[in-house]
């Protein structure tokens, strides 16, 4: 079995715009005429870059573990409770999440020099801050300070990134938080929120806002749960159902989707990322969650590791994710081996 660190090493030099081999112009020039018919020069270049990127990541994605029919069926029954809980949390839970933010602001104002890590939470598409109020409660139980970031996934990632900086900056000013640039805070995002968290890792400003690794051993300053950083090509039934809900920038059948995938692939990250993919997630399957710069990619083998199970409402998943962030200050992670295994191969 090839280790995840080796897989990441293979990708460390595969930056399309700077990589070796034939130039993009060569690839555009040799593409079949029908393939480039009616396309602008920019679109032809993006298509060539995307094709090159797809060729390079496909062998890695093919190694992703896949669930058995039995585990899918078991997860499907358990997922009914996760979906119901998520609907409730995205309605009634909104007010609870607002209250959690107020509590965090009061705590920081009272103790602006706290050494406790803040964890900024970013929800996914078609959800709101309420969807993660249970996860926030678990984070606080484990000694961390949660803060919900409001996003609009109908906007671009660049626009939502500015929204993150505005909200985090306002929290810092309001509470007079000390030595922000020296802090070791973290971001945890789910689904499209995970994509935004990965995008933020590629922004040089991130460290000045307190998002820093605790040490060279820290792999999880950014915790991306069920992200699809390079977009979706619908294969499973849940993916086909959700495609009409996602923006064109996440749809790999659109020029915008391909351009976004190439841009995300070529971003250099400034803080460590860990990807968490659910083995039983049929919306963002493990192969879709791949991101080339991630320090670690974990595929969680658990009946609750569905898309709604990892969204912030399930107690089993919440304990697991909170434990990972609470342990950033330790050199080694102690999560049971049966809960996670390398993306590169099965057990």
C-alpha atoms as a PDB file:
ATOM      1  CA  UNK A   1       0.000   0.000   0.000  1.00  0.00           C
ATOM      2  CA  UNK A   2       1.359   3.423  -0.950  1.00  0.00           C
ATOM      3  CA  UNK A   3       1.333   5.809   2.007  1.00  0.00           C
ATOM      4  CA  UNK A   4      -0.538   9.096   1.875  1.00  0.00           C
ATOM      5  CA  UNK A   5       2.690  11.080   2.382  1.00  0.00           C
ATOM      6  CA  UNK A   6       4.148   9.493  -0.755  1.00  0.00           C
ATOM      7  CA  UNK A   7       0.995  10.309  -2.690  1.00  0.00           C
ATOM      8  CA  UNK A   8       1.243  13.926  -1.626  1.00  0.00           C
ATOM      9  CA  UNK A   9       4.904  13.955  -2.639  1.00  0.00           C
ATOM     10  CA  UNK A  10       3.940  12.802  -6.108  1.00  0.00           C
ATOM     11  CA  UNK A  11       1.666  15.805  -6.425  1.00  0.00           C
ATOM     12  CA  UNK A  12       3.980  18.415  -4.939  1.00  0.00           C
ATOM     13  CA  UNK A  13       5.520  19.084  -8.382  1.00  0.00           C
ATOM     14  CA  UNK A  14       2.382  18.717 -10.459  1.00  0.00           C
ATOM     15  CA  UNK A  15       1.436  22.359 -10.807  1.00  0.00           C
ATOM     16  CA  UNK A  16      -0.093  22.728 -14.226  1.00  0.00           C
ATOM     17  CA  UNK A  17       1.021  26.234 -15.091  1.00  0.00           C
ATOM     18  CA  UNK A  18       4.575  25.597 -13.943  1.00  0.00           C
ATOM     19  CA  UNK A  19       4.925  21.895 -14.698  1.00  0.00           C
ATOM     20  CA  UNK A  20       7.283  20.269 -17.144  1.00  0.00           C
ATOM     21  CA  UNK A  21       6.365  18.760 -20.492  1.00  0.00           C
ATOM     22  CA  UNK A  22       4.493  20.213 -23.424  1.00  0.00           C
ATOM     23  CA  UNK A  23       3.228  23.755 -23.062  1.00  0.00           C
ATOM     24  CA  UNK A  24      -0.452  24.566 -22.849  1.00  0.00           C
ATOM     25  CA  UNK A  25      -0.186  26.225 -26.270  1.00  0.00           C
ATOM     26  CA  UNK A  26       1.040  22.920 -27.702  1.00  0.00           C
ATOM     27  CA  UNK A  27      -1.886  21.093 -26.133  1.00  0.00           C
ATOM     28  CA  UNK A  28      -4.406  23.659 -27.417  1.00  0.00           C
ATOM     29  CA  UNK A  29      -2.894  23.535 -30.916  1.00  0.00           C
ATOM     30  CA  UNK A  30      -3.066  19.733 -31.098  1.00  0.00           C
ATOM     31  CA  UNK A  31      -6.612  19.408 -29.754  1.00  0.00           C
ATOM     32  CA  UNK A  32      -9.198  18.187 -32.286  1.00  0.00           C
ATOM     33  CA  UNK A  33     -10.830  21.091 -34.144  1.00  0.00           C
ATOM     34  CA  UNK A  34     -14.289  19.995 -33.036  1.00  0.00           C
ATOM     35  CA  UNK A  35     -13.144  20.207 -29.415  1.00  0.00           C
ATOM     36  CA  UNK A  36     -12.185  23.874 -29.726  1.00  0.00           C
ATOM     37  CA  UNK A  37     -14.917  24.942 -32.150  1.00  0.00           C
ATOM     38  CA  UNK A  38     -16.680  28.100 -31.030  1.00  0.00           C
ATOM     39  CA  UNK A  39     -14.479  28.526 -27.959  1.00  0.00           C
ATOM     40  CA  UNK A  40     -12.502  31.633 -27.103  1.00  0.00           C
ATOM     41  CA  UNK A  41      -8.748  31.392 -26.713  1.00  0.00           C
ATOM     42  CA  UNK A  42      -9.145  31.619 -22.926  1.00  0.00           C
ATOM     43  CA  UNK A  43     -11.672  28.773 -22.896  1.00  0.00           C
ATOM     44  CA  UNK A  44      -9.375  26.628 -25.034  1.00  0.00           C
ATOM     45  CA  UNK A  45      -6.520  27.194 -22.577  1.00  0.00           C
ATOM     46  CA  UNK A  46      -8.709  26.410 -19.573  1.00  0.00           C
ATOM     47  CA  UNK A  47      -9.930  23.199 -21.233  1.00  0.00           C
ATOM     48  CA  UNK A  48      -6.351  22.129 -21.926  1.00  0.00           C
ATOM     49  CA  UNK A  49      -5.280  22.904 -18.362  1.00  0.00           C
ATOM     50  CA  UNK A  50      -8.282  21.065 -16.950  1.00  0.00           C
ATOM     51  CA  UNK A  51      -7.615  18.004 -19.116  1.00  0.00           C
ATOM     52  CA  UNK A  52      -4.026  17.941 -17.896  1.00  0.00           C
ATOM     53  CA  UNK A  53      -5.117  18.283 -14.271  1.00  0.00           C
ATOM     54  CA  UNK A  54      -7.724  15.528 -14.651  1.00  0.00           C
ATOM     55  CA  UNK A  55      -5.138  13.188 -16.172  1.00  0.00           C
ATOM     56  CA  UNK A  56      -2.814  13.716 -13.241  1.00  0.00           C
ATOM     57  CA  UNK A  57      -5.269  13.323 -10.377  1.00  0.00           C
ATOM     58  CA  UNK A  58      -7.351  10.468 -11.836  1.00  0.00           C
ATOM     59  CA  UNK A  59      -4.900   7.694 -10.797  1.00  0.00           C
ATOM     60  CA  UNK A  60      -4.842   9.046  -7.240  1.00  0.00           C
ATOM     61  CA  UNK A  61      -8.620   9.350  -7.034  1.00  0.00           C
ATOM     62  CA  UNK A  62      -8.981   5.797  -8.334  1.00  0.00           C
ATOM     63  CA  UNK A  63      -7.311   4.529  -5.146  1.00  0.00           C
ATOM     64  CA  UNK A  64     -10.066   5.932  -2.935  1.00  0.00           C
ATOM     65  CA  UNK A  65     -11.811   3.275  -0.802  1.00  0.00           C
ATOM     66  CA  UNK A  66     -15.381   2.459  -1.781  1.00  0.00           C
ATOM     67  CA  UNK A  67     -18.197   1.238   0.502  1.00  0.00           C
ATOM     68  CA  UNK A  68     -19.748  -2.205   0.197  1.00  0.00           C
ATOM     69  CA  UNK A  69     -23.410  -2.595  -0.689  1.00  0.00           C
ATOM     70  CA  UNK A  70     -24.073  -3.688   2.898  1.00  0.00           C
ATOM     71  CA  UNK A  71     -22.437  -0.654   4.464  1.00  0.00           C
ATOM     72  CA  UNK A  72     -24.305   1.643   2.065  1.00  0.00           C
ATOM     73  CA  UNK A  73     -27.624   0.111   3.094  1.00  0.00           C
ATOM     74  CA  UNK A  74     -26.829   0.381   6.811  1.00  0.00           C
ATOM     75  CA  UNK A  75     -25.681   3.986   6.374  1.00  0.00           C
ATOM     76  CA  UNK A  76     -28.805   4.788   4.364  1.00  0.00           C
ATOM     77  CA  UNK A  77     -31.094   3.840   7.251  1.00  0.00           C
ATOM     78  CA  UNK A  78     -28.989   5.765   9.770  1.00  0.00           C
ATOM     79  CA  UNK A  79     -28.898   8.768   7.468  1.00  0.00           C
ATOM     80  CA  UNK A  80     -32.636   9.348   7.864  1.00  0.00           C
ATOM     81  CA  UNK A  81     -32.005  10.561  11.423  1.00  0.00           C
ATOM     82  CA  UNK A  82     -29.069  12.712  10.257  1.00  0.00           C
ATOM     83  CA  UNK A  83     -31.183  14.411   7.571  1.00  0.00           C
ATOM     84  CA  UNK A  84     -34.048  15.052   9.995  1.00  0.00           C
ATOM     85  CA  UNK A  85     -31.652  16.516  12.557  1.00  0.00           C
ATOM     86  CA  UNK A  86     -30.036  18.701   9.901  1.00  0.00           C
ATOM     87  CA  UNK A  87     -33.378  20.164   8.797  1.00  0.00           C
ATOM     88  CA  UNK A  88     -34.231  20.996  12.411  1.00  0.00           C
ATOM     89  CA  UNK A  89     -30.808  22.515  13.059  1.00  0.00           C
ATOM     90  CA  UNK A  90     -30.952  24.711   9.947  1.00  0.00           C
ATOM     91  CA  UNK A  91     -34.210  26.247  11.242  1.00  0.00           C
ATOM     92  CA  UNK A  92     -34.505  26.196  15.033  1.00  0.00           C
ATOM     93  CA  UNK A  93     -30.747  25.862  15.392  1.00  0.00           C
ATOM     94  CA  UNK A  94     -30.048  29.244  13.803  1.00  0.00           C
ATOM     95  CA  UNK A  95     -30.936  31.132  16.971  1.00  0.00           C
ATOM     96  CA  UNK A  96     -28.864  28.719  19.048  1.00  0.00           C
ATOM     97  CA  UNK A  97     -25.838  29.348  16.833  1.00  0.00           C
ATOM     98  CA  UNK A  98     -26.345  33.122  17.147  1.00  0.00           C
ATOM     99  CA  UNK A  99     -26.341  32.703  20.917  1.00  0.00           C
ATOM    100  CA  UNK A 100     -23.124  30.689  20.723  1.00  0.00           C
ATOM    101  CA  UNK A 101     -21.452  33.546  18.843  1.00  0.00           C
ATOM    102  CA  UNK A 102     -22.572  36.034  21.483  1.00  0.00           C
ATOM    103  CA  UNK A 103     -21.204  33.750  24.195  1.00  0.00           C
ATOM    104  CA  UNK A 104     -17.858  33.514  22.397  1.00  0.00           C
ATOM    105  CA  UNK A 105     -17.652  37.297  21.996  1.00  0.00           C
ATOM    106  CA  UNK A 106     -18.372  37.801  25.710  1.00  0.00           C
ATOM    107  CA  UNK A 107     -15.755  35.225  26.679  1.00  0.00           C
ATOM    108  CA  UNK A 108     -13.061  36.780  24.480  1.00  0.00           C
ATOM    109  CA  UNK A 109     -13.891  40.290  25.657  1.00  0.00           C
ATOM    110  CA  UNK A 110     -13.536  39.144  29.249  1.00  0.00           C
ATOM    111  CA  UNK A 111     -10.259  37.345  28.521  1.00  0.00           C
ATOM    112  CA  UNK A 112      -8.687  38.795  25.324  1.00  0.00           C
ATOM    113  CA  UNK A 113      -5.387  37.066  26.059  1.00  0.00           C
ATOM    114  CA  UNK A 114      -6.876  33.566  26.190  1.00  0.00           C
ATOM    115  CA  UNK A 115      -4.713  30.723  24.938  1.00  0.00           C
ATOM    116  CA  UNK A 116      -7.729  28.646  23.951  1.00  0.00           C
ATOM    117  CA  UNK A 117      -8.027  28.159  20.203  1.00  0.00           C
ATOM    118  CA  UNK A 118     -10.929  29.696  18.320  1.00  0.00           C
ATOM    119  CA  UNK A 119     -12.452  27.382  15.719  1.00  0.00           C
ATOM    120  CA  UNK A 120     -14.250  29.244  12.935  1.00  0.00           C
ATOM    121  CA  UNK A 121     -17.105  27.141  11.552  1.00  0.00           C
ATOM    122  CA  UNK A 122     -18.283  27.420   7.941  1.00  0.00           C
ATOM    123  CA  UNK A 123     -21.462  25.626   6.844  1.00  0.00           C
ATOM    124  CA  UNK A 124     -22.185  24.102   3.451  1.00  0.00           C
ATOM    125  CA  UNK A 125     -24.557  25.031   0.654  1.00  0.00           C
ATOM    126  CA  UNK A 126     -28.325  25.136   1.354  1.00  0.00           C
ATOM    127  CA  UNK A 127     -27.574  25.314   5.081  1.00  0.00           C
ATOM    128  CA  UNK A 128     -26.863  28.064   7.594  1.00  0.00           C
ATOM    129  CA  UNK A 129     -24.926  28.544  10.821  1.00  0.00           C
ATOM    130  CA  UNK A 130     -27.565  26.572  12.741  1.00  0.00           C
ATOM    131  CA  UNK A 131     -26.490  23.350  11.043  1.00  0.00           C
ATOM    132  CA  UNK A 132     -23.318  23.278  13.155  1.00  0.00           C
ATOM    133  CA  UNK A 133     -24.561  24.398  16.566  1.00  0.00           C
ATOM    134  CA  UNK A 134     -24.210  20.839  17.959  1.00  0.00           C
ATOM    135  CA  UNK A 135     -20.653  20.632  16.659  1.00  0.00           C
ATOM    136  CA  UNK A 136     -19.931  24.023  18.250  1.00  0.00           C
ATOM    137  CA  UNK A 137     -21.215  22.694  21.585  1.00  0.00           C
ATOM    138  CA  UNK A 138     -18.893  19.664  21.292  1.00  0.00           C
ATOM    139  CA  UNK A 139     -15.920  21.907  20.485  1.00  0.00           C
ATOM    140  CA  UNK A 140     -16.607  23.978  23.595  1.00  0.00           C
ATOM    141  CA  UNK A 141     -16.898  20.779  25.640  1.00  0.00           C
ATOM    142  CA  UNK A 142     -13.392  19.873  24.477  1.00  0.00           C
ATOM    143  CA  UNK A 143     -11.901  23.213  25.513  1.00  0.00           C
ATOM    144  CA  UNK A 144     -12.126  25.110  22.225  1.00  0.00           C
ATOM    145  CA  UNK A 145     -13.967  28.334  21.390  1.00  0.00           C
ATOM    146  CA  UNK A 146     -16.414  28.045  18.432  1.00  0.00           C
ATOM    147  CA  UNK A 147     -17.456  30.927  16.207  1.00  0.00           C
ATOM    148  CA  UNK A 148     -19.872  30.620  13.274  1.00  0.00           C
ATOM    149  CA  UNK A 149     -19.075  32.442  10.012  1.00  0.00           C
ATOM    150  CA  UNK A 150     -22.035  33.444   7.834  1.00  0.00           C
ATOM    151  CA  UNK A 151     -21.591  32.733   4.121  1.00  0.00           C
ATOM    152  CA  UNK A 152     -23.545  32.933   0.894  1.00  0.00           C
ATOM    153  CA  UNK A 153     -22.490  30.087  -1.382  1.00  0.00           C
ATOM    154  CA  UNK A 154     -24.241  31.775  -4.282  1.00  0.00           C
ATOM    155  CA  UNK A 155     -21.299  34.183  -4.276  1.00  0.00           C
ATOM    156  CA  UNK A 156     -17.763  33.390  -5.392  1.00  0.00           C
ATOM    157  CA  UNK A 157     -15.200  31.936  -3.007  1.00  0.00           C
ATOM    158  CA  UNK A 158     -13.236  35.182  -3.276  1.00  0.00           C
ATOM    159  CA  UNK A 159     -16.280  37.159  -2.088  1.00  0.00           C
ATOM    160  CA  UNK A 160     -16.958  34.723   0.756  1.00  0.00           C
ATOM    161  CA  UNK A 161     -13.289  34.897   1.732  1.00  0.00           C
ATOM    162  CA  UNK A 162     -13.652  38.661   2.153  1.00  0.00           C
ATOM    163  CA  UNK A 163     -16.724  37.976   4.257  1.00  0.00           C
ATOM    164  CA  UNK A 164     -14.671  35.691   6.496  1.00  0.00           C
ATOM    165  CA  UNK A 165     -12.001  38.353   7.014  1.00  0.00           C
ATOM    166  CA  UNK A 166     -14.635  40.996   7.763  1.00  0.00           C
ATOM    167  CA  UNK A 167     -16.417  38.849  10.369  1.00  0.00           C
ATOM    168  CA  UNK A 168     -13.233  37.522  11.986  1.00  0.00           C
ATOM    169  CA  UNK A 169     -11.728  41.015  11.974  1.00  0.00           C
ATOM    170  CA  UNK A 170     -14.828  42.486  13.609  1.00  0.00           C
ATOM    171  CA  UNK A 171     -14.674  39.814  16.321  1.00  0.00           C
ATOM    172  CA  UNK A 172     -11.014  40.639  16.991  1.00  0.00           C
ATOM    173  CA  UNK A 173     -11.703  44.386  17.211  1.00  0.00           C
ATOM    174  CA  UNK A 174     -14.854  44.069  19.299  1.00  0.00           C
ATOM    175  CA  UNK A 175     -13.161  41.825  21.855  1.00  0.00           C
ATOM    176  CA  UNK A 176      -9.719  43.494  21.631  1.00  0.00           C
ATOM    177  CA  UNK A 177      -8.181  40.088  21.135  1.00  0.00           C
ATOM    178  CA  UNK A 178      -4.448  40.218  21.864  1.00  0.00           C
ATOM    179  CA  UNK A 179      -1.605  39.222  19.510  1.00  0.00           C
ATOM    180  CA  UNK A 180      -3.958  37.897  16.854  1.00  0.00           C
ATOM    181  CA  UNK A 181      -1.150  37.140  14.385  1.00  0.00           C
ATOM    182  CA  UNK A 182       0.499  34.844  16.975  1.00  0.00           C
ATOM    183  CA  UNK A 183      -2.617  32.782  17.652  1.00  0.00           C
ATOM    184  CA  UNK A 184      -3.092  29.148  16.589  1.00  0.00           C
ATOM    185  CA  UNK A 185      -6.780  29.211  15.693  1.00  0.00           C
ATOM    186  CA  UNK A 186      -8.388  26.860  13.168  1.00  0.00           C
ATOM    187  CA  UNK A 187     -11.132  26.717  10.545  1.00  0.00           C
ATOM    188  CA  UNK A 188     -13.538  23.807  10.125  1.00  0.00           C
ATOM    189  CA  UNK A 189     -15.766  23.826   7.069  1.00  0.00           C
ATOM    190  CA  UNK A 190     -18.278  21.323   5.731  1.00  0.00           C
ATOM    191  CA  UNK A 191     -18.989  20.632   2.050  1.00  0.00           C
ATOM    192  CA  UNK A 192     -18.909  24.009   0.229  1.00  0.00           C
ATOM    193  CA  UNK A 193     -17.752  25.458   3.551  1.00  0.00           C
ATOM    194  CA  UNK A 194     -14.830  23.038   3.388  1.00  0.00           C
ATOM    195  CA  UNK A 195     -14.058  24.279  -0.131  1.00  0.00           C
ATOM    196  CA  UNK A 196     -13.978  27.832   1.210  1.00  0.00           C
ATOM    197  CA  UNK A 197     -11.709  26.768   4.072  1.00  0.00           C
ATOM    198  CA  UNK A 198      -9.278  25.247   1.540  1.00  0.00           C
ATOM    199  CA  UNK A 199      -9.482  28.436  -0.535  1.00  0.00           C
ATOM    200  CA  UNK A 200      -8.651  30.506   2.548  1.00  0.00           C
ATOM    201  CA  UNK A 201      -5.579  28.329   3.156  1.00  0.00           C
ATOM    202  CA  UNK A 202      -4.242  29.714  -0.133  1.00  0.00           C
ATOM    203  CA  UNK A 203      -4.605  33.350   0.986  1.00  0.00           C
ATOM    204  CA  UNK A 204      -1.472  34.966   2.427  1.00  0.00           C
ATOM    205  CA  UNK A 205      -3.549  37.058   4.850  1.00  0.00           C
ATOM    206  CA  UNK A 206      -4.781  33.993   6.724  1.00  0.00           C
ATOM    207  CA  UNK A 207      -1.940  33.925   9.271  1.00  0.00           C
ATOM    208  CA  UNK A 208      -2.416  37.564  10.202  1.00  0.00           C
ATOM    209  CA  UNK A 209      -5.950  36.634  11.250  1.00  0.00           C
ATOM    210  CA  UNK A 210      -4.661  34.048  13.733  1.00  0.00           C
ATOM    211  CA  UNK A 211      -5.018  30.921  11.591  1.00  0.00           C
ATOM    212  CA  UNK A 212      -1.651  29.293  12.245  1.00  0.00           C
ATOM    213  CA  UNK A 213      -0.321  25.768  12.864  1.00  0.00           C
ATOM    214  CA  UNK A 214       0.615  25.029  16.471  1.00  0.00           C
ATOM    215  CA  UNK A 215       3.860  23.343  15.356  1.00  0.00           C
ATOM    216  CA  UNK A 216       5.522  21.651  12.404  1.00  0.00           C
ATOM    217  CA  UNK A 217       3.633  18.495  13.380  1.00  0.00           C
ATOM    218  CA  UNK A 218       0.231  20.154  13.071  1.00  0.00           C
ATOM    219  CA  UNK A 219      -1.688  18.832  10.058  1.00  0.00           C
ATOM    220  CA  UNK A 220      -5.088  20.293  10.784  1.00  0.00           C
ATOM    221  CA  UNK A 221      -5.129  24.081  10.965  1.00  0.00           C
ATOM    222  CA  UNK A 222      -7.748  23.757   8.249  1.00  0.00           C
ATOM    223  CA  UNK A 223     -10.283  20.969   8.771  1.00  0.00           C
ATOM    224  CA  UNK A 224     -12.226  20.327   5.569  1.00  0.00           C
ATOM    225  CA  UNK A 225     -15.122  17.887   6.042  1.00  0.00           C
ATOM    226  CA  UNK A 226     -16.557  16.401   2.839  1.00  0.00           C
ATOM    227  CA  UNK A 227     -15.203  19.100   0.515  1.00  0.00           C
ATOM    228  CA  UNK A 228     -15.213  18.986  -3.284  1.00  0.00           C
ATOM    229  CA  UNK A 229     -12.448  21.525  -4.002  1.00  0.00           C
ATOM    230  CA  UNK A 230     -12.209  20.669  -7.691  1.00  0.00           C
ATOM    231  CA  UNK A 231     -15.949  20.515  -8.301  1.00  0.00           C
ATOM    232  CA  UNK A 232     -18.383  17.734  -9.240  1.00  0.00           C
ATOM    233  CA  UNK A 233     -19.140  15.542 -12.224  1.00  0.00           C
ATOM    234  CA  UNK A 234     -22.345  13.757 -11.237  1.00  0.00           C
ATOM    235  CA  UNK A 235     -22.016   9.971 -11.057  1.00  0.00           C
ATOM    236  CA  UNK A 236     -24.099   8.885  -8.062  1.00  0.00           C
ATOM    237  CA  UNK A 237     -27.842   9.538  -7.758  1.00  0.00           C
ATOM    238  CA  UNK A 238     -27.419  12.075  -4.905  1.00  0.00           C
ATOM    239  CA  UNK A 239     -24.894  13.995  -7.038  1.00  0.00           C
ATOM    240  CA  UNK A 240     -27.303  14.098  -9.983  1.00  0.00           C
ATOM    241  CA  UNK A 241     -30.100  15.358  -7.738  1.00  0.00           C
ATOM    242  CA  UNK A 242     -28.016  18.155  -6.200  1.00  0.00           C
ATOM    243  CA  UNK A 243     -26.417  19.450  -9.415  1.00  0.00           C
ATOM    244  CA  UNK A 244     -29.184  21.981 -10.073  1.00  0.00           C
ATOM    245  CA  UNK A 245     -28.578  23.491  -6.614  1.00  0.00           C
ATOM    246  CA  UNK A 246     -24.852  24.137  -6.909  1.00  0.00           C
ATOM    247  CA  UNK A 247     -23.289  27.182  -8.596  1.00  0.00           C
ATOM    248  CA  UNK A 248     -21.796  26.774 -12.077  1.00  0.00           C
ATOM    249  CA  UNK A 249     -18.318  27.198 -10.557  1.00  0.00           C
ATOM    250  CA  UNK A 250     -18.709  23.747  -8.948  1.00  0.00           C
ATOM    251  CA  UNK A 251     -20.146  22.057 -12.039  1.00  0.00           C
ATOM    252  CA  UNK A 252     -17.347  20.486 -14.071  1.00  0.00           C
ATOM    253  CA  UNK A 253     -19.508  20.414 -17.189  1.00  0.00           C
ATOM    254  CA  UNK A 254     -19.374  24.219 -17.345  1.00  0.00           C
ATOM    255  CA  UNK A 255     -16.457  26.463 -18.406  1.00  0.00           C
ATOM    256  CA  UNK A 256     -16.713  28.217 -15.024  1.00  0.00           C
ATOM    257  CA  UNK A 257     -16.417  24.891 -13.207  1.00  0.00           C
ATOM    258  CA  UNK A 258     -13.302  23.884 -15.133  1.00  0.00           C
ATOM    259  CA  UNK A 259     -11.708  27.283 -14.615  1.00  0.00           C
ATOM    260  CA  UNK A 260     -12.427  27.116 -10.890  1.00  0.00           C
ATOM    261  CA  UNK A 261     -10.954  23.606 -10.653  1.00  0.00           C
ATOM    262  CA  UNK A 262      -7.730  24.710 -12.364  1.00  0.00           C
ATOM    263  CA  UNK A 263      -7.435  27.781 -10.136  1.00  0.00           C
ATOM    264  CA  UNK A 264      -7.979  25.734  -6.964  1.00  0.00           C
ATOM    265  CA  UNK A 265      -5.484  23.110  -8.105  1.00  0.00           C
ATOM    266  CA  UNK A 266      -2.814  25.741  -8.664  1.00  0.00           C
ATOM    267  CA  UNK A 267      -3.245  27.624  -5.380  1.00  0.00           C
ATOM    268  CA  UNK A 268      -0.304  27.294  -3.014  1.00  0.00           C
ATOM    269  CA  UNK A 269      -1.438  26.866   0.576  1.00  0.00           C
ATOM    270  CA  UNK A 270       0.043  28.674   3.585  1.00  0.00           C
ATOM    271  CA  UNK A 271      -1.351  26.566   6.434  1.00  0.00           C
ATOM    272  CA  UNK A 272      -1.846  22.778   6.734  1.00  0.00           C
ATOM    273  CA  UNK A 273      -5.057  21.133   5.568  1.00  0.00           C
ATOM    274  CA  UNK A 274      -6.604  17.829   6.583  1.00  0.00           C
ATOM    275  CA  UNK A 275      -9.412  16.423   4.458  1.00  0.00           C
ATOM    276  CA  UNK A 276     -12.081  14.220   6.063  1.00  0.00           C
ATOM    277  CA  UNK A 277     -14.208  12.204   3.649  1.00  0.00           C
ATOM    278  CA  UNK A 278     -17.004   9.856   4.656  1.00  0.00           C
ATOM    279  CA  UNK A 279     -16.782   6.349   3.227  1.00  0.00           C
ATOM    280  CA  UNK A 280     -20.596   6.317   3.085  1.00  0.00           C
ATOM    281  CA  UNK A 281     -20.956   9.811   1.619  1.00  0.00           C
ATOM    282  CA  UNK A 282     -22.688   9.397  -1.760  1.00  0.00           C
ATOM    283  CA  UNK A 283     -22.840  13.128  -2.447  1.00  0.00           C
ATOM    284  CA  UNK A 284     -19.179  14.034  -1.959  1.00  0.00           C
ATOM    285  CA  UNK A 285     -17.562  10.642  -2.393  1.00  0.00           C
ATOM    286  CA  UNK A 286     -13.991  10.111  -1.118  1.00  0.00           C
ATOM    287  CA  UNK A 287     -12.395  10.464  -4.559  1.00  0.00           C
ATOM    288  CA  UNK A 288     -14.125  13.827  -5.066  1.00  0.00           C
ATOM    289  CA  UNK A 289     -12.694  15.111  -1.758  1.00  0.00           C
ATOM    290  CA  UNK A 290      -9.092  14.826  -2.980  1.00  0.00           C
ATOM    291  CA  UNK A 291      -6.944  17.974  -2.699  1.00  0.00           C
ATOM    292  CA  UNK A 292      -3.307  17.875  -3.783  1.00  0.00           C
ATOM    293  CA  UNK A 293      -1.772  19.978  -0.977  1.00  0.00           C
ATOM    294  CA  UNK A 294      -3.562  18.291   1.955  1.00  0.00           C
ATOM    295  CA  UNK A 295      -1.236  17.009   4.661  1.00  0.00           C
ATOM    296  CA  UNK A 296      -3.625  14.174   5.422  1.00  0.00           C
ATOM    297  CA  UNK A 297      -6.695  12.689   3.758  1.00  0.00           C
ATOM    298  CA  UNK A 298      -8.844  10.540   6.030  1.00  0.00           C
ATOM    299  CA  UNK A 299     -11.681   8.366   4.843  1.00  0.00           C
ATOM    300  CA  UNK A 300     -13.940   7.657   7.805  1.00  0.00           C
ATOM    301  CA  UNK A 301     -15.377   4.145   7.925  1.00  0.00           C
ATOM    302  CA  UNK A 302     -18.452   4.584  10.108  1.00  0.00           C
ATOM    303  CA  UNK A 303     -22.214   4.156   9.475  1.00  0.00           C
ATOM    304  CA  UNK A 304     -22.686   7.876  10.219  1.00  0.00           C
ATOM    305  CA  UNK A 305     -20.037   8.993   7.719  1.00  0.00           C
ATOM    306  CA  UNK A 306     -22.648  10.243   5.258  1.00  0.00           C
ATOM    307  CA  UNK A 307     -22.844  13.799   3.941  1.00  0.00           C
ATOM    308  CA  UNK A 308     -25.412  14.838   6.527  1.00  0.00           C
ATOM    309  CA  UNK A 309     -23.625  12.813   9.184  1.00  0.00           C
ATOM    310  CA  UNK A 310     -20.484  14.940   8.840  1.00  0.00           C
ATOM    311  CA  UNK A 311     -22.342  18.255   8.548  1.00  0.00           C
ATOM    312  CA  UNK A 312     -22.339  19.047  12.264  1.00  0.00           C
ATOM    313  CA  UNK A 313     -25.391  17.346  13.737  1.00  0.00           C
ATOM    314  CA  UNK A 314     -24.264  13.793  14.439  1.00  0.00           C
ATOM    315  CA  UNK A 315     -22.771  13.236  17.928  1.00  0.00           C
ATOM    316  CA  UNK A 316     -20.403  10.456  16.833  1.00  0.00           C
ATOM    317  CA  UNK A 317     -18.893  12.487  14.007  1.00  0.00           C
ATOM    318  CA  UNK A 318     -18.825  15.661  16.097  1.00  0.00           C
ATOM    319  CA  UNK A 319     -16.796  13.995  18.848  1.00  0.00           C
ATOM    320  CA  UNK A 320     -14.374  12.637  16.283  1.00  0.00           C
ATOM    321  CA  UNK A 321     -13.836  15.984  14.523  1.00  0.00           C
ATOM    322  CA  UNK A 322     -13.621  17.980  17.768  1.00  0.00           C
ATOM    323  CA  UNK A 323     -11.126  15.482  19.150  1.00  0.00           C
ATOM    324  CA  UNK A 324      -8.933  15.982  16.094  1.00  0.00           C
ATOM    325  CA  UNK A 325      -8.825  19.756  16.648  1.00  0.00           C
ATOM    326  CA  UNK A 326      -8.376  19.468  20.411  1.00  0.00           C
ATOM    327  CA  UNK A 327      -5.335  17.263  19.808  1.00  0.00           C
ATOM    328  CA  UNK A 328      -3.529  19.744  17.555  1.00  0.00           C
ATOM    329  CA  UNK A 329      -1.338  20.675  20.530  1.00  0.00           C
ATOM    330  CA  UNK A 330      -0.167  17.083  20.848  1.00  0.00           C
ATOM    331  CA  UNK A 331       2.499  15.655  18.566  1.00  0.00           C
ATOM    332  CA  UNK A 332       0.586  12.508  17.742  1.00  0.00           C
ATOM    333  CA  UNK A 333      -3.108  11.943  17.094  1.00  0.00           C
ATOM    334  CA  UNK A 334      -4.738   9.239  19.148  1.00  0.00           C
ATOM    335  CA  UNK A 335      -7.941   8.558  17.228  1.00  0.00           C
ATOM    336  CA  UNK A 336      -8.641   4.815  16.997  1.00  0.00           C
ATOM    337  CA  UNK A 337      -7.173   3.260  13.839  1.00  0.00           C
ATOM    338  CA  UNK A 338     -10.510   1.731  12.881  1.00  0.00           C
ATOM    339  CA  UNK A 339     -12.033   5.187  12.537  1.00  0.00           C
ATOM    340  CA  UNK A 340      -9.706   6.325   9.798  1.00  0.00           C
ATOM    341  CA  UNK A 341      -7.352   4.900   7.253  1.00  0.00           C
ATOM    342  CA  UNK A 342      -5.144   6.245   4.493  1.00  0.00           C
ATOM    343  CA  UNK A 343      -6.840   7.449   1.358  1.00  0.00           C
ATOM    344  CA  UNK A 344      -4.355   5.398  -0.679  1.00  0.00           C
ATOM    345  CA  UNK A 345      -5.674   1.959   0.154  1.00  0.00           C
ATOM    346  CA  UNK A 346      -8.128  -0.208   2.044  1.00  0.00           C
ATOM    347  CA  UNK A 347      -7.471  -1.944   5.343  1.00  0.00           C
END
